[in-house]
């Protein structure tokens, strides 16, 4: 977030909380943060390049078309997550007890954020390796063993006796 956006967020919650003498308005801060991140991610999907693509390019490498599409998909998943997470925090701020709001916004939402990219190592491998056509890639070792057995059927079969 930019400094101006942070200040606007703080003032946007602090001033009404002071005017209405109601600290419960601070329960809406996670909703506003999710909304701001959703707008940022969504804007990059509309205008391009996607947020995840921007982060991937910061590593100093060119991305293939397949990788760019993958980055757009991941950015879209983050948009969906931020919308759902914002809706849950809004519901909790409006209807749930402070204990439930605290549990979700202080623990559970962070667990969800951490588990969202749970396949990051496989994604990272896919992003770091050059794309290879399946027809050109060598077969796995067990396929080579099977092929060697198929090529030598006479060595495996018994010879008929005459």
Protein backbone atom coordinates (compact mmCIF):
# COMPACT_ATOMS: atom_id res chain seq x y z
CA UNK A 1 0.00 0.00 0.00
CA UNK A 2 1.13 3.52 -0.66
CA UNK A 3 1.60 5.92 2.24
CA UNK A 4 -1.40 7.98 1.15
CA UNK A 5 -3.60 4.88 1.04
CA UNK A 6 -2.44 3.85 4.51
CA UNK A 7 -3.18 7.30 5.89
CA UNK A 8 -6.58 7.32 4.20
CA UNK A 9 -7.37 3.91 5.67
CA UNK A 10 -6.35 4.99 9.17
CA UNK A 11 -8.28 8.25 8.93
CA UNK A 12 -11.25 6.54 7.31
CA UNK A 13 -11.65 4.37 10.39
CA UNK A 14 -10.30 6.63 13.15
CA UNK A 15 -12.42 9.70 12.43
CA UNK A 16 -15.79 7.89 12.37
CA UNK A 17 -14.74 5.86 15.44
CA UNK A 18 -13.96 9.08 17.30
CA UNK A 19 -17.07 10.91 16.06
CA UNK A 20 -19.41 8.07 17.01
CA UNK A 21 -17.37 7.05 20.06
CA UNK A 22 -17.50 3.46 18.83
CA UNK A 23 -14.34 1.36 18.74
CA UNK A 24 -16.21 -1.43 16.94
CA UNK A 25 -15.54 0.42 13.68
CA UNK A 26 -11.96 -0.86 13.93
CA UNK A 27 -13.38 -4.34 13.25
CA UNK A 28 -13.80 -3.22 9.64
CA UNK A 29 -10.06 -2.64 9.05
CA UNK A 30 -9.48 -6.22 7.73
CA UNK A 31 -12.48 -5.76 5.41
CA UNK A 32 -10.95 -2.58 4.01
CA UNK A 33 -7.52 -4.19 3.61
CA UNK A 34 -9.03 -7.15 1.73
CA UNK A 35 -10.99 -4.74 -0.45
CA UNK A 36 -7.88 -2.67 -1.25
CA UNK A 37 -5.87 -5.78 -2.15
CA UNK A 38 -8.75 -7.12 -4.24
CA UNK A 39 -8.91 -3.85 -6.18
CA UNK A 40 -5.13 -3.94 -6.73
CA UNK A 41 -5.11 -7.56 -7.95
CA UNK A 42 -8.23 -7.09 -10.08
CA UNK A 43 -6.87 -3.94 -11.70
CA UNK A 44 -3.79 -5.86 -12.86
CA UNK A 45 -5.99 -8.56 -14.39
CA UNK A 46 -7.93 -5.96 -16.35
CA UNK A 47 -5.03 -3.72 -17.40
CA UNK A 48 -2.15 -6.24 -17.27
CA UNK A 49 0.38 -7.46 -16.49
CA UNK A 50 -1.06 -9.50 -13.62
CA UNK A 51 0.23 -8.98 -10.09
CA UNK A 52 1.80 -12.45 -9.93
CA UNK A 53 3.42 -11.92 -13.34
CA UNK A 54 4.93 -8.67 -12.09
CA UNK A 55 6.40 -10.47 -9.08
CA UNK A 56 7.71 -13.27 -11.31
CA UNK A 57 9.38 -10.77 -13.66
CA UNK A 58 11.11 -9.08 -10.72
CA UNK A 59 13.32 -12.17 -10.66
CA UNK A 60 14.84 -10.92 -13.91
CA UNK A 61 13.69 -13.54 -16.36
CA UNK A 62 11.45 -13.61 -19.38
CA UNK A 63 8.25 -15.61 -19.08
CA UNK A 64 6.82 -17.87 -21.75
CA UNK A 65 3.22 -17.48 -22.87
CA UNK A 66 2.28 -20.53 -20.78
CA UNK A 67 3.85 -18.99 -17.68
CA UNK A 68 2.07 -15.67 -18.26
CA UNK A 69 -1.27 -17.51 -18.47
CA UNK A 70 -0.41 -19.41 -15.28
CA UNK A 71 0.40 -16.11 -13.53
CA UNK A 72 -2.98 -14.70 -14.59
CA UNK A 73 -4.74 -17.77 -13.21
CA UNK A 74 -2.91 -17.47 -9.88
CA UNK A 75 -3.81 -13.76 -9.71
CA UNK A 76 -7.44 -14.69 -10.35
CA UNK A 77 -7.31 -17.24 -7.52
CA UNK A 78 -5.99 -14.52 -5.21
CA UNK A 79 -8.88 -12.25 -6.29
CA UNK A 80 -11.36 -14.97 -5.41
CA UNK A 81 -9.67 -15.58 -2.05
CA UNK A 82 -9.58 -11.86 -1.19
CA UNK A 83 -13.27 -11.47 -2.05
CA UNK A 84 -14.27 -14.46 0.07
CA UNK A 85 -11.97 -13.49 2.93
CA UNK A 86 -13.35 -9.94 2.87
CA UNK A 87 -16.92 -11.26 2.93
CA UNK A 88 -16.17 -13.49 5.91
CA UNK A 89 -14.47 -10.67 7.85
CA UNK A 90 -17.38 -8.35 7.03
CA UNK A 91 -19.89 -10.90 8.31
CA UNK A 92 -17.83 -11.44 11.46
CA UNK A 93 -17.54 -7.68 12.06
CA UNK A 94 -21.29 -7.24 11.71
CA UNK A 95 -22.76 -10.33 13.37
CA UNK A 96 -20.21 -12.38 15.33
CA UNK A 97 -18.73 -11.98 18.76
CA UNK A 98 -15.38 -10.28 19.27
CA UNK A 99 -13.88 -13.67 20.18
CA UNK A 100 -14.85 -15.20 16.81
CA UNK A 101 -13.71 -12.10 14.91
CA UNK A 102 -10.36 -12.22 16.73
CA UNK A 103 -9.90 -15.94 16.09
CA UNK A 104 -10.59 -15.60 12.38
CA UNK A 105 -8.73 -12.37 11.65
CA UNK A 106 -5.83 -13.16 13.99
CA UNK A 107 -5.26 -16.84 13.24
CA UNK A 108 -7.50 -18.58 10.73
CA UNK A 109 -7.21 -16.07 7.90
CA UNK A 110 -3.41 -16.25 8.14
CA UNK A 111 -3.54 -20.04 8.04
CA UNK A 112 -5.68 -19.80 4.91
CA UNK A 113 -3.25 -17.32 3.36
CA UNK A 114 -0.36 -19.67 4.11
CA UNK A 115 -2.13 -22.72 2.67
CA UNK A 116 -3.37 -21.02 -0.49
CA UNK A 117 -0.05 -21.49 -2.33
CA UNK A 118 0.54 -24.93 -0.76
CA UNK A 119 1.79 -26.29 -4.06
CA UNK A 120 4.32 -23.48 -4.39
CA UNK A 121 7.32 -25.82 -4.76
CA UNK A 122 5.79 -27.57 -7.78
CA UNK A 123 4.67 -24.20 -9.16
CA UNK A 124 8.15 -22.82 -8.61
CA UNK A 125 9.70 -25.76 -10.47
CA UNK A 126 7.29 -25.18 -13.34
CA UNK A 127 8.16 -21.47 -13.42
CA UNK A 128 11.94 -22.07 -13.32
CA UNK A 129 12.30 -24.81 -15.92
CA UNK A 130 12.19 -24.21 -19.62
CA UNK A 131 9.04 -25.55 -21.26
CA UNK A 132 9.55 -28.97 -22.84
CA UNK A 133 7.22 -30.66 -25.25
CA UNK A 134 6.06 -34.01 -23.84
CA UNK A 135 6.87 -35.62 -27.19
CA UNK A 136 10.50 -34.47 -26.92
CA UNK A 137 11.09 -35.24 -23.25
CA UNK A 138 12.75 -38.54 -22.39
CA UNK A 139 10.47 -41.19 -20.92
CA UNK A 140 10.67 -41.89 -17.21
CA UNK A 141 13.13 -44.67 -16.17
CA UNK A 142 10.39 -47.25 -15.54
CA UNK A 143 9.12 -46.76 -19.11
CA UNK A 144 12.60 -47.56 -20.44
CA UNK A 145 12.65 -50.79 -18.43
CA UNK A 146 9.24 -51.78 -19.78
CA UNK A 147 10.36 -51.02 -23.32
CA UNK A 148 13.46 -53.16 -22.95
CA UNK A 149 11.30 -56.10 -21.82
CA UNK A 150 8.87 -55.57 -24.71
CA UNK A 151 11.73 -55.47 -27.23
CA UNK A 152 13.09 -58.81 -26.05
CA UNK A 153 10.04 -61.11 -25.91
CA UNK A 154 12.06 -64.16 -26.95
CA UNK A 155 14.23 -63.97 -23.85
CA UNK A 156 11.17 -64.07 -21.61
CA UNK A 157 9.19 -66.79 -23.33
CA UNK A 158 9.95 -70.47 -23.19
CA UNK A 159 10.91 -72.05 -26.46
CA UNK A 160 8.57 -74.80 -27.56
CA UNK A 161 10.20 -78.19 -27.68
CA UNK A 162 9.86 -80.24 -30.79
